[in-house]
N, C-alpha and C. Protein backbone atom coordinates (compact mmCIF):
# COMPACT_ATOMS: atom_id res chain seq x y z
N MET A 1 -55.60 -34.41 -59.55
CA MET A 1 -55.75 -34.83 -58.18
C MET A 1 -54.31 -34.91 -57.42
N THR A 2 -54.24 -34.29 -56.21
CA THR A 2 -52.82 -34.48 -55.62
C THR A 2 -52.52 -36.12 -55.17
N GLU A 3 -51.09 -36.16 -55.64
CA GLU A 3 -50.64 -37.57 -55.35
C GLU A 3 -50.04 -37.40 -53.91
N PHE A 4 -50.33 -38.49 -52.84
CA PHE A 4 -49.75 -38.41 -51.79
C PHE A 4 -48.90 -39.43 -51.68
N LYS A 5 -47.67 -38.97 -50.58
CA LYS A 5 -46.38 -39.73 -50.87
C LYS A 5 -46.10 -40.17 -49.27
N LEU A 6 -46.68 -39.44 -48.42
CA LEU A 6 -46.24 -40.05 -46.81
C LEU A 6 -46.92 -41.13 -46.41
N ASN A 7 -46.40 -42.14 -45.81
CA ASN A 7 -46.58 -43.19 -44.99
C ASN A 7 -47.24 -42.65 -43.83
N LEU A 8 -48.75 -42.39 -43.65
CA LEU A 8 -49.09 -41.61 -42.51
C LEU A 8 -49.05 -42.83 -41.25
N ALA A 9 -48.74 -44.17 -41.44
CA ALA A 9 -48.85 -45.06 -40.28
C ALA A 9 -47.36 -44.77 -39.45
N GLU A 10 -46.36 -44.13 -40.33
CA GLU A 10 -45.18 -43.56 -39.59
C GLU A 10 -45.37 -42.55 -38.83
N TYR A 11 -46.55 -41.63 -38.89
CA TYR A 11 -46.97 -40.73 -37.97
C TYR A 11 -47.89 -40.95 -36.69
N ILE A 12 -47.97 -42.20 -35.97
CA ILE A 12 -48.76 -42.81 -35.28
C ILE A 12 -47.52 -43.22 -34.32
N ARG A 13 -47.55 -42.69 -32.87
CA ARG A 13 -46.75 -42.82 -31.93
C ARG A 13 -47.31 -43.83 -31.07
N HIS A 14 -46.79 -44.86 -30.85
CA HIS A 14 -46.98 -46.03 -30.09
C HIS A 14 -46.49 -45.62 -28.49
N VAL A 15 -47.36 -45.65 -27.61
CA VAL A 15 -47.07 -45.19 -26.29
C VAL A 15 -47.63 -46.52 -25.37
N PRO A 16 -46.68 -47.26 -24.94
CA PRO A 16 -46.91 -48.27 -24.11
C PRO A 16 -47.49 -48.20 -22.61
N ASP A 17 -48.19 -48.72 -22.04
CA ASP A 17 -48.62 -48.48 -20.75
C ASP A 17 -49.41 -47.29 -20.73
N PHE A 18 -50.31 -46.81 -21.43
CA PHE A 18 -50.80 -45.62 -21.08
C PHE A 18 -52.36 -45.66 -21.88
N PRO A 19 -53.37 -45.53 -21.02
CA PRO A 19 -53.54 -44.71 -19.97
C PRO A 19 -53.30 -45.63 -18.69
N VAL A 20 -53.30 -47.08 -18.73
CA VAL A 20 -53.09 -47.93 -17.74
C VAL A 20 -51.81 -49.02 -17.95
N PRO A 21 -51.43 -49.62 -17.16
CA PRO A 21 -49.96 -50.34 -17.47
C PRO A 21 -50.91 -51.63 -18.55
N GLY A 22 -50.34 -52.27 -19.52
CA GLY A 22 -50.71 -53.14 -20.49
C GLY A 22 -51.42 -52.86 -21.74
N VAL A 23 -51.82 -51.37 -21.67
CA VAL A 23 -52.50 -50.75 -22.88
C VAL A 23 -51.45 -50.00 -23.69
N GLU A 24 -51.68 -50.43 -24.94
CA GLU A 24 -50.83 -49.48 -25.79
C GLU A 24 -51.50 -48.28 -26.52
N TYR A 25 -51.03 -46.98 -26.16
CA TYR A 25 -52.01 -45.86 -26.85
C TYR A 25 -51.34 -45.63 -27.92
N GLU A 26 -52.48 -45.33 -29.28
CA GLU A 26 -52.00 -45.02 -30.58
C GLU A 26 -52.18 -43.34 -30.52
N ASP A 27 -51.13 -42.50 -30.56
CA ASP A 27 -51.15 -41.30 -30.38
C ASP A 27 -50.86 -40.44 -31.97
N ILE A 28 -52.09 -39.83 -32.03
CA ILE A 28 -52.17 -39.35 -33.35
C ILE A 28 -51.58 -37.84 -33.41
N THR A 29 -51.03 -37.19 -32.46
CA THR A 29 -50.76 -36.05 -32.61
C THR A 29 -49.44 -35.73 -33.35
N PRO A 30 -48.48 -36.87 -33.91
CA PRO A 30 -47.59 -36.60 -34.66
C PRO A 30 -48.00 -36.13 -36.14
N VAL A 31 -49.26 -36.78 -36.48
CA VAL A 31 -50.26 -36.19 -37.63
C VAL A 31 -50.53 -34.90 -37.82
N LEU A 32 -50.86 -34.33 -36.38
CA LEU A 32 -51.23 -33.09 -36.30
C LEU A 32 -50.29 -32.12 -36.53
N ARG A 33 -48.93 -32.54 -35.70
CA ARG A 33 -47.94 -31.72 -35.84
C ARG A 33 -46.98 -31.58 -37.32
N SER A 34 -47.25 -32.59 -37.92
CA SER A 34 -46.62 -32.37 -39.48
C SER A 34 -47.79 -31.96 -40.23
N PRO A 35 -47.56 -30.37 -40.71
CA PRO A 35 -48.52 -29.77 -41.67
C PRO A 35 -48.60 -31.11 -42.80
N ASP A 36 -47.74 -31.42 -43.61
CA ASP A 36 -47.81 -32.45 -44.53
C ASP A 36 -48.52 -33.55 -44.28
N ALA A 37 -48.52 -34.13 -43.23
CA ALA A 37 -48.95 -35.29 -42.93
C ALA A 37 -50.69 -35.12 -42.76
N PHE A 38 -50.74 -33.93 -42.01
CA PHE A 38 -52.15 -33.41 -41.47
C PHE A 38 -53.06 -33.13 -43.04
N LYS A 39 -52.12 -32.50 -43.78
CA LYS A 39 -52.92 -32.23 -44.97
C LYS A 39 -53.28 -33.58 -46.02
N GLN A 40 -52.23 -34.05 -46.04
CA GLN A 40 -52.66 -35.65 -46.57
C GLN A 40 -53.86 -36.26 -46.06
N ALA A 41 -53.80 -36.43 -44.92
CA ALA A 41 -55.04 -37.16 -44.12
C ALA A 41 -56.39 -36.02 -44.47
N ILE A 42 -56.38 -35.11 -44.34
CA ILE A 42 -57.60 -34.54 -44.53
C ILE A 42 -57.95 -34.41 -46.02
N ASP A 43 -56.78 -34.14 -46.75
CA ASP A 43 -57.18 -34.33 -48.52
C ASP A 43 -57.91 -35.54 -49.08
N THR A 44 -57.12 -36.70 -48.28
CA THR A 44 -57.88 -38.19 -48.59
C THR A 44 -59.12 -38.31 -48.16
N PHE A 45 -59.48 -37.83 -46.88
CA PHE A 45 -61.09 -37.66 -46.73
C PHE A 45 -61.94 -37.19 -47.63
N VAL A 46 -61.46 -35.97 -48.07
CA VAL A 46 -62.08 -35.01 -48.94
C VAL A 46 -62.26 -35.63 -50.03
N SER A 47 -61.21 -36.09 -50.77
CA SER A 47 -61.29 -36.80 -52.08
C SER A 47 -62.28 -37.98 -52.05
N HIS A 48 -62.14 -38.80 -50.67
CA HIS A 48 -63.01 -39.68 -50.64
C HIS A 48 -64.59 -39.53 -50.74
N TYR A 49 -64.92 -38.40 -49.90
CA TYR A 49 -66.40 -38.21 -49.97
C TYR A 49 -66.76 -37.14 -50.78
N ARG A 50 -65.75 -36.49 -51.66
CA ARG A 50 -66.32 -35.35 -52.32
C ARG A 50 -67.64 -35.46 -53.27
N ASP A 51 -67.68 -36.43 -53.91
CA ASP A 51 -68.80 -37.05 -54.62
C ASP A 51 -69.98 -37.95 -54.24
N LYS A 52 -70.12 -37.84 -52.67
CA LYS A 52 -70.93 -38.82 -52.17
C LYS A 52 -71.99 -38.19 -51.52
N GLN A 53 -72.45 -36.92 -51.77
CA GLN A 53 -73.32 -36.09 -51.18
C GLN A 53 -73.76 -36.10 -49.92
N ILE A 54 -72.53 -35.64 -48.87
CA ILE A 54 -72.65 -35.64 -47.79
C ILE A 54 -73.12 -34.46 -47.03
N ASP A 55 -74.09 -34.40 -46.19
CA ASP A 55 -75.23 -33.02 -45.57
C ASP A 55 -74.23 -32.82 -44.31
N ALA A 56 -73.48 -34.08 -43.42
CA ALA A 56 -72.86 -33.34 -42.33
C ALA A 56 -72.05 -34.28 -41.82
N VAL A 57 -70.98 -33.58 -41.10
CA VAL A 57 -70.04 -34.72 -40.41
C VAL A 57 -70.06 -34.52 -39.20
N VAL A 58 -70.35 -35.69 -38.46
CA VAL A 58 -70.20 -35.68 -37.15
C VAL A 58 -69.00 -36.06 -36.51
N GLY A 59 -68.55 -35.07 -35.48
CA GLY A 59 -67.31 -35.43 -34.95
C GLY A 59 -67.65 -35.94 -33.42
N ILE A 60 -66.90 -36.92 -33.09
CA ILE A 60 -67.09 -37.76 -31.83
C ILE A 60 -66.08 -36.88 -31.06
N GLU A 61 -66.35 -36.26 -29.72
CA GLU A 61 -65.51 -35.84 -28.97
C GLU A 61 -64.43 -36.68 -28.62
N SER A 62 -63.24 -36.31 -28.37
CA SER A 62 -62.62 -34.62 -28.81
C SER A 62 -61.68 -34.95 -29.95
N ARG A 63 -60.83 -36.10 -30.16
CA ARG A 63 -60.16 -35.93 -31.08
C ARG A 63 -60.77 -36.06 -32.53
N GLY A 64 -62.06 -36.50 -32.66
CA GLY A 64 -62.58 -36.60 -33.65
C GLY A 64 -63.06 -35.26 -34.02
N PHE A 65 -63.25 -34.13 -33.40
CA PHE A 65 -63.31 -32.88 -33.72
C PHE A 65 -62.09 -32.34 -34.54
N LEU A 66 -61.04 -32.88 -34.40
CA LEU A 66 -59.54 -32.32 -35.21
C LEU A 66 -59.84 -32.70 -36.70
N PHE A 67 -60.31 -33.60 -37.03
CA PHE A 67 -60.49 -34.21 -38.42
C PHE A 67 -61.79 -33.84 -39.14
N SER A 68 -63.16 -33.81 -38.29
CA SER A 68 -64.38 -33.74 -38.95
C SER A 68 -64.28 -32.04 -39.39
N ALA A 69 -63.78 -31.17 -38.34
CA ALA A 69 -64.00 -29.82 -38.57
C ALA A 69 -63.47 -29.25 -40.12
N PRO A 70 -62.57 -29.53 -40.49
CA PRO A 70 -61.80 -29.42 -41.59
C PRO A 70 -62.65 -29.93 -42.92
N LEU A 71 -62.81 -31.36 -42.64
CA LEU A 71 -63.56 -32.23 -43.33
C LEU A 71 -64.85 -31.62 -43.51
N ALA A 72 -65.87 -30.89 -42.81
CA ALA A 72 -66.96 -30.69 -43.05
C ALA A 72 -67.00 -29.12 -43.65
N TYR A 73 -65.83 -28.37 -43.51
CA TYR A 73 -65.54 -27.12 -44.21
C TYR A 73 -65.60 -27.22 -45.74
N LEU A 74 -64.55 -28.23 -46.02
CA LEU A 74 -63.74 -28.31 -47.28
C LEU A 74 -65.17 -29.55 -48.42
N LEU A 75 -65.91 -29.97 -47.58
CA LEU A 75 -67.18 -30.52 -48.18
C LEU A 75 -68.36 -29.81 -48.43
N GLY A 76 -68.56 -28.39 -47.76
CA GLY A 76 -69.66 -27.69 -47.52
C GLY A 76 -70.70 -28.36 -46.76
N ALA A 77 -70.19 -29.27 -45.93
CA ALA A 77 -71.44 -29.84 -44.94
C ALA A 77 -71.50 -29.55 -43.71
N SER A 78 -72.36 -29.72 -43.01
CA SER A 78 -72.55 -28.96 -41.65
C SER A 78 -71.58 -29.80 -40.69
N LEU A 79 -71.14 -29.32 -39.64
CA LEU A 79 -70.39 -30.05 -38.53
C LEU A 79 -71.56 -30.05 -37.41
N VAL A 80 -71.28 -31.44 -36.75
CA VAL A 80 -72.24 -31.50 -35.75
C VAL A 80 -71.55 -32.28 -34.70
N PRO A 81 -71.40 -31.75 -33.32
CA PRO A 81 -70.59 -32.52 -32.36
C PRO A 81 -71.22 -33.61 -31.64
N VAL A 82 -70.78 -34.54 -31.42
CA VAL A 82 -71.48 -35.56 -30.43
C VAL A 82 -70.20 -35.61 -29.50
N ARG A 83 -70.88 -35.17 -28.02
CA ARG A 83 -70.28 -34.89 -26.76
C ARG A 83 -70.18 -35.95 -26.00
N LYS A 84 -69.65 -35.83 -24.81
CA LYS A 84 -69.67 -36.29 -23.70
C LYS A 84 -70.99 -35.97 -23.03
N TYR A 85 -71.69 -36.77 -22.08
CA TYR A 85 -72.83 -36.41 -21.20
C TYR A 85 -72.65 -34.97 -20.35
N GLY A 86 -73.54 -33.97 -20.79
CA GLY A 86 -73.61 -32.94 -19.73
C GLY A 86 -72.77 -31.69 -20.36
N ARG A 87 -72.56 -31.97 -21.80
CA ARG A 87 -71.40 -30.74 -22.16
C ARG A 87 -72.37 -29.96 -23.25
N LEU A 88 -73.65 -30.60 -23.75
CA LEU A 88 -74.15 -29.61 -24.63
C LEU A 88 -75.25 -28.73 -24.20
N PRO A 89 -75.66 -27.31 -24.68
CA PRO A 89 -76.64 -26.63 -23.61
C PRO A 89 -77.84 -26.61 -24.24
N SER A 90 -78.21 -27.43 -24.94
CA SER A 90 -79.67 -27.35 -25.36
C SER A 90 -80.26 -28.73 -25.50
N ALA A 91 -81.46 -29.06 -25.81
CA ALA A 91 -82.02 -30.14 -25.77
C ALA A 91 -81.28 -31.39 -26.24
N THR A 92 -81.32 -32.68 -26.04
CA THR A 92 -80.42 -33.58 -26.42
C THR A 92 -80.86 -34.86 -26.35
N TYR A 93 -80.64 -35.78 -27.43
CA TYR A 93 -80.56 -37.36 -27.39
C TYR A 93 -79.42 -37.88 -26.89
N GLU A 94 -79.37 -38.70 -25.80
CA GLU A 94 -78.23 -39.33 -25.29
C GLU A 94 -78.47 -40.84 -25.44
N VAL A 95 -77.09 -41.33 -25.34
CA VAL A 95 -77.10 -42.89 -25.45
C VAL A 95 -76.26 -43.19 -24.45
N GLU A 96 -76.30 -44.32 -23.60
CA GLU A 96 -75.29 -44.96 -22.85
C GLU A 96 -74.60 -45.99 -23.74
N TYR A 97 -73.36 -46.27 -23.40
CA TYR A 97 -72.80 -47.41 -23.91
C TYR A 97 -71.52 -48.13 -22.63
N TYR A 98 -71.36 -49.42 -23.18
CA TYR A 98 -70.26 -49.91 -22.21
C TYR A 98 -68.88 -49.96 -22.74
N LEU A 99 -68.07 -49.83 -21.81
CA LEU A 99 -66.60 -49.90 -22.18
C LEU A 99 -66.10 -50.95 -21.28
N GLN A 100 -64.86 -50.98 -21.48
CA GLN A 100 -64.04 -52.08 -20.80
C GLN A 100 -64.04 -52.16 -19.39
N PHE A 101 -64.44 -50.95 -18.85
CA PHE A 101 -64.37 -51.03 -17.26
C PHE A 101 -65.37 -49.95 -16.82
N GLY A 102 -66.75 -49.96 -17.48
CA GLY A 102 -67.89 -49.47 -17.00
C GLY A 102 -68.76 -48.78 -18.34
N SER A 103 -68.91 -47.44 -17.97
CA SER A 103 -70.25 -47.15 -18.90
C SER A 103 -69.71 -45.60 -18.95
N ASP A 104 -70.35 -44.86 -20.30
CA ASP A 104 -70.11 -43.54 -20.53
C ASP A 104 -71.56 -43.11 -20.99
N LYS A 105 -71.51 -42.02 -21.45
CA LYS A 105 -72.94 -41.43 -22.49
C LYS A 105 -72.41 -40.51 -23.09
N LEU A 106 -73.13 -40.63 -24.54
CA LEU A 106 -72.69 -39.52 -25.42
C LEU A 106 -74.10 -38.90 -25.63
N GLN A 107 -73.89 -37.55 -26.28
CA GLN A 107 -75.31 -36.76 -26.51
C GLN A 107 -74.96 -35.99 -27.82
N ILE A 108 -76.12 -35.58 -28.35
CA ILE A 108 -76.11 -34.87 -29.61
C ILE A 108 -77.44 -33.75 -29.43
N HIS A 109 -77.31 -32.45 -30.01
CA HIS A 109 -78.39 -31.73 -29.94
C HIS A 109 -79.69 -32.41 -30.85
N ARG A 110 -80.57 -32.28 -30.30
CA ARG A 110 -81.77 -32.81 -31.31
C ARG A 110 -82.18 -31.96 -32.58
N ASP A 111 -81.94 -30.76 -32.71
CA ASP A 111 -81.80 -30.12 -33.81
C ASP A 111 -80.54 -30.26 -34.46
N ALA A 112 -79.54 -30.95 -34.52
CA ALA A 112 -78.36 -31.01 -35.06
C ALA A 112 -78.60 -31.67 -36.43
N LEU A 113 -79.35 -32.51 -36.92
CA LEU A 113 -79.66 -33.14 -38.03
C LEU A 113 -80.91 -32.85 -38.72
N GLU A 114 -80.84 -32.65 -39.70
CA GLU A 114 -82.14 -32.85 -40.80
C GLU A 114 -82.42 -34.23 -41.05
N PRO A 115 -83.83 -34.55 -40.91
CA PRO A 115 -84.21 -35.93 -41.15
C PRO A 115 -83.73 -36.26 -42.51
N GLY A 116 -83.14 -37.58 -42.56
CA GLY A 116 -82.84 -38.20 -43.65
C GLY A 116 -81.55 -37.73 -44.38
N ALA A 117 -80.94 -36.64 -43.45
CA ALA A 117 -79.64 -36.20 -44.00
C ALA A 117 -78.62 -37.39 -43.96
N ARG A 118 -77.43 -36.91 -44.82
CA ARG A 118 -76.48 -38.37 -44.96
C ARG A 118 -75.53 -37.92 -44.32
N VAL A 119 -74.80 -38.86 -43.54
CA VAL A 119 -73.63 -38.06 -42.22
C VAL A 119 -72.68 -39.20 -42.41
N VAL A 120 -71.56 -38.63 -42.18
CA VAL A 120 -70.23 -38.97 -41.91
C VAL A 120 -69.89 -39.05 -40.58
N VAL A 121 -70.07 -40.13 -39.91
CA VAL A 121 -69.36 -40.30 -38.40
C VAL A 121 -68.12 -40.10 -38.36
N PHE A 122 -66.95 -39.37 -37.57
CA PHE A 122 -65.86 -39.36 -37.55
C PHE A 122 -65.42 -39.45 -36.03
N ASP A 123 -64.38 -40.41 -35.93
CA ASP A 123 -63.59 -40.34 -35.06
C ASP A 123 -62.30 -40.74 -35.30
N ASP A 124 -61.22 -40.48 -34.23
CA ASP A 124 -59.91 -40.46 -34.92
C ASP A 124 -59.30 -41.79 -35.06
N LEU A 125 -59.91 -42.71 -33.91
CA LEU A 125 -59.40 -44.18 -33.75
C LEU A 125 -60.71 -44.97 -33.77
N LEU A 126 -60.57 -46.29 -34.46
CA LEU A 126 -61.36 -47.36 -34.48
C LEU A 126 -60.86 -48.28 -33.78
N ALA A 127 -61.20 -48.82 -32.37
CA ALA A 127 -60.78 -49.64 -31.62
C ALA A 127 -62.13 -50.76 -31.52
N SER A 128 -62.77 -50.83 -30.22
CA SER A 128 -63.52 -51.73 -30.02
C SER A 128 -64.63 -51.57 -30.88
N GLY A 129 -65.20 -50.15 -31.26
CA GLY A 129 -66.06 -49.67 -32.11
C GLY A 129 -67.26 -49.29 -31.27
N ARG A 130 -67.37 -49.33 -29.80
CA ARG A 130 -68.34 -49.14 -28.92
C ARG A 130 -68.58 -47.78 -28.96
N THR A 131 -67.82 -46.64 -29.13
CA THR A 131 -67.77 -45.24 -28.89
C THR A 131 -68.82 -44.66 -30.32
N ILE A 132 -67.98 -45.11 -31.65
CA ILE A 132 -68.58 -44.88 -32.77
C ILE A 132 -70.11 -45.71 -32.81
N ALA A 133 -70.25 -46.91 -32.42
CA ALA A 133 -71.54 -47.34 -32.54
C ALA A 133 -72.51 -46.72 -31.64
N ALA A 134 -72.37 -45.96 -30.69
CA ALA A 134 -73.02 -45.32 -29.81
C ALA A 134 -73.20 -44.07 -30.68
N ALA A 135 -72.20 -43.33 -31.38
CA ALA A 135 -72.78 -42.08 -31.95
C ALA A 135 -73.50 -42.59 -33.20
N CYS A 136 -73.43 -43.34 -33.81
CA CYS A 136 -74.17 -43.97 -35.05
C CYS A 136 -75.44 -44.31 -34.26
N GLU A 137 -75.86 -44.59 -33.37
CA GLU A 137 -77.23 -44.68 -32.86
C GLU A 137 -77.86 -43.43 -32.74
N LEU A 138 -77.14 -42.50 -32.09
CA LEU A 138 -77.32 -41.01 -31.82
C LEU A 138 -77.84 -40.47 -33.29
N VAL A 139 -77.07 -40.63 -34.23
CA VAL A 139 -77.44 -40.04 -35.46
C VAL A 139 -78.70 -40.62 -36.25
N SER A 140 -78.94 -41.97 -35.86
CA SER A 140 -80.18 -42.66 -36.42
C SER A 140 -81.30 -42.14 -35.74
N THR A 141 -81.17 -41.97 -34.27
CA THR A 141 -82.23 -41.37 -33.25
C THR A 141 -82.33 -40.19 -33.69
N ALA A 142 -81.79 -39.58 -34.03
CA ALA A 142 -81.83 -38.14 -34.78
C ALA A 142 -82.60 -37.82 -36.01
N GLY A 143 -83.10 -39.11 -36.96
CA GLY A 143 -83.71 -38.95 -37.95
C GLY A 143 -82.80 -39.14 -38.98
N ALA A 144 -81.30 -39.08 -39.00
CA ALA A 144 -80.20 -39.11 -40.24
C ALA A 144 -79.86 -40.33 -40.56
N LYS A 145 -79.45 -40.60 -41.65
CA LYS A 145 -78.75 -41.82 -42.11
C LYS A 145 -77.41 -41.55 -41.85
N VAL A 146 -76.45 -42.60 -41.53
CA VAL A 146 -75.08 -42.75 -41.45
C VAL A 146 -74.69 -43.55 -42.87
N ALA A 147 -74.13 -42.48 -43.84
CA ALA A 147 -73.47 -43.15 -44.90
C ALA A 147 -72.39 -43.60 -44.91
N GLU A 148 -71.52 -43.31 -43.91
CA GLU A 148 -70.22 -43.87 -43.43
C GLU A 148 -69.57 -43.74 -42.27
N VAL A 149 -68.87 -44.78 -41.71
CA VAL A 149 -67.89 -44.40 -40.64
C VAL A 149 -66.71 -43.98 -41.27
N ALA A 150 -65.83 -43.15 -40.72
CA ALA A 150 -64.64 -42.57 -41.03
C ALA A 150 -63.71 -42.49 -39.69
N CYS A 151 -62.49 -43.13 -39.83
CA CYS A 151 -61.15 -42.85 -38.80
C CYS A 151 -59.80 -42.85 -39.83
N LEU A 152 -59.17 -42.03 -38.63
CA LEU A 152 -57.61 -41.95 -39.16
C LEU A 152 -57.22 -43.39 -39.22
N VAL A 153 -57.20 -43.99 -37.88
CA VAL A 153 -56.54 -45.29 -37.47
C VAL A 153 -57.64 -46.24 -37.05
N GLU A 154 -57.26 -47.33 -37.82
CA GLU A 154 -58.15 -48.36 -37.25
C GLU A 154 -57.33 -49.59 -36.50
N LEU A 155 -57.67 -50.23 -35.19
CA LEU A 155 -57.00 -51.14 -34.86
C LEU A 155 -57.38 -52.34 -35.24
N ASN A 156 -57.01 -52.97 -36.15
CA ASN A 156 -57.75 -54.52 -36.60
C ASN A 156 -57.91 -55.60 -35.41
N LYS A 157 -56.62 -55.48 -34.26
CA LYS A 157 -57.00 -56.95 -33.28
C LYS A 157 -57.95 -56.44 -32.49
N ALA A 158 -58.63 -55.08 -32.61
CA ALA A 158 -59.57 -55.04 -31.73
C ALA A 158 -60.97 -55.12 -32.11
N ARG A 159 -60.95 -55.41 -33.48
CA ARG A 159 -62.25 -56.13 -34.16
C ARG A 159 -63.42 -55.07 -34.34
N GLY A 160 -63.14 -53.53 -34.14
CA GLY A 160 -64.11 -52.90 -34.08
C GLY A 160 -64.95 -52.86 -35.12
N ARG A 161 -64.66 -53.06 -36.27
CA ARG A 161 -65.20 -53.25 -37.70
C ARG A 161 -66.31 -53.98 -37.32
N GLU A 162 -66.42 -55.14 -36.50
CA GLU A 162 -67.42 -56.24 -36.51
C GLU A 162 -68.50 -55.77 -35.45
N LYS A 163 -68.32 -54.89 -34.60
CA LYS A 163 -69.34 -53.71 -33.57
C LYS A 163 -70.26 -53.21 -34.73
N LEU A 164 -69.72 -52.49 -35.90
CA LEU A 164 -70.19 -51.71 -36.71
C LEU A 164 -70.47 -52.64 -38.25
N ALA A 165 -71.07 -53.79 -37.98
CA ALA A 165 -71.35 -54.29 -39.22
C ALA A 165 -72.38 -54.21 -40.12
N GLY A 166 -73.10 -53.17 -39.63
CA GLY A 166 -74.08 -52.79 -40.42
C GLY A 166 -73.76 -51.38 -41.26
N TYR A 167 -72.44 -50.79 -40.97
CA TYR A 167 -71.91 -49.53 -41.54
C TYR A 167 -70.95 -49.83 -42.70
N SER A 168 -70.64 -49.03 -43.49
CA SER A 168 -69.50 -48.93 -44.30
C SER A 168 -68.38 -48.43 -43.42
N VAL A 169 -67.24 -48.65 -43.36
CA VAL A 169 -66.21 -48.18 -42.61
C VAL A 169 -64.88 -47.60 -43.65
N PHE A 170 -64.45 -46.40 -43.40
CA PHE A 170 -63.50 -45.94 -43.91
C PHE A 170 -62.09 -45.30 -43.29
N SER A 171 -61.16 -46.11 -43.51
CA SER A 171 -60.23 -45.59 -42.49
C SER A 171 -58.60 -45.75 -43.21
N LEU A 172 -57.80 -44.61 -42.81
CA LEU A 172 -56.91 -44.19 -43.67
C LEU A 172 -55.47 -45.23 -43.18
N ILE A 173 -55.17 -45.50 -41.64
CA ILE A 173 -54.35 -46.40 -41.36
C ILE A 173 -55.02 -47.69 -40.71
N GLN A 174 -54.44 -48.78 -41.02
CA GLN A 174 -54.92 -49.74 -40.56
C GLN A 174 -53.68 -50.73 -39.84
N MET A 175 -54.15 -50.84 -38.20
CA MET A 175 -52.66 -51.50 -37.87
C MET A 175 -53.13 -53.15 -37.01
């Protein structure tokens, strides 16, 4: 087993007043820019899920794709994108969810998951939990089971874990 030495929290850039004044954006691109940090993150997720019989990794558009793709590949699981409304070309399930300043919709292909499949739902960051909860609802609608929710960064003050109370959550960095 690989011994990890980096403090991944040091690779998260805090950007004040982005995208709007008063919001502090947690930028994961320094993790992606560092081959060692990115490898450590992916290897940690693989180690965590290796023996959990995961059938699919659902990546949430768009930064969730960056981690879900190598994770699915290394687990030998299928990769399933959850995308914003109107971006999937075949028959879909959709869910509308509410954000701080309005609503949005997510979709998943109707044939993306096998009934009963064990799924990890992955996003880069867990804040309010609304987007991840919507993705979990899509997984359930498709007939699969959310084995766990995973994210690189969890913002504790946003209390998103409370919105995901029915799910196990695994995060590498808690802030």
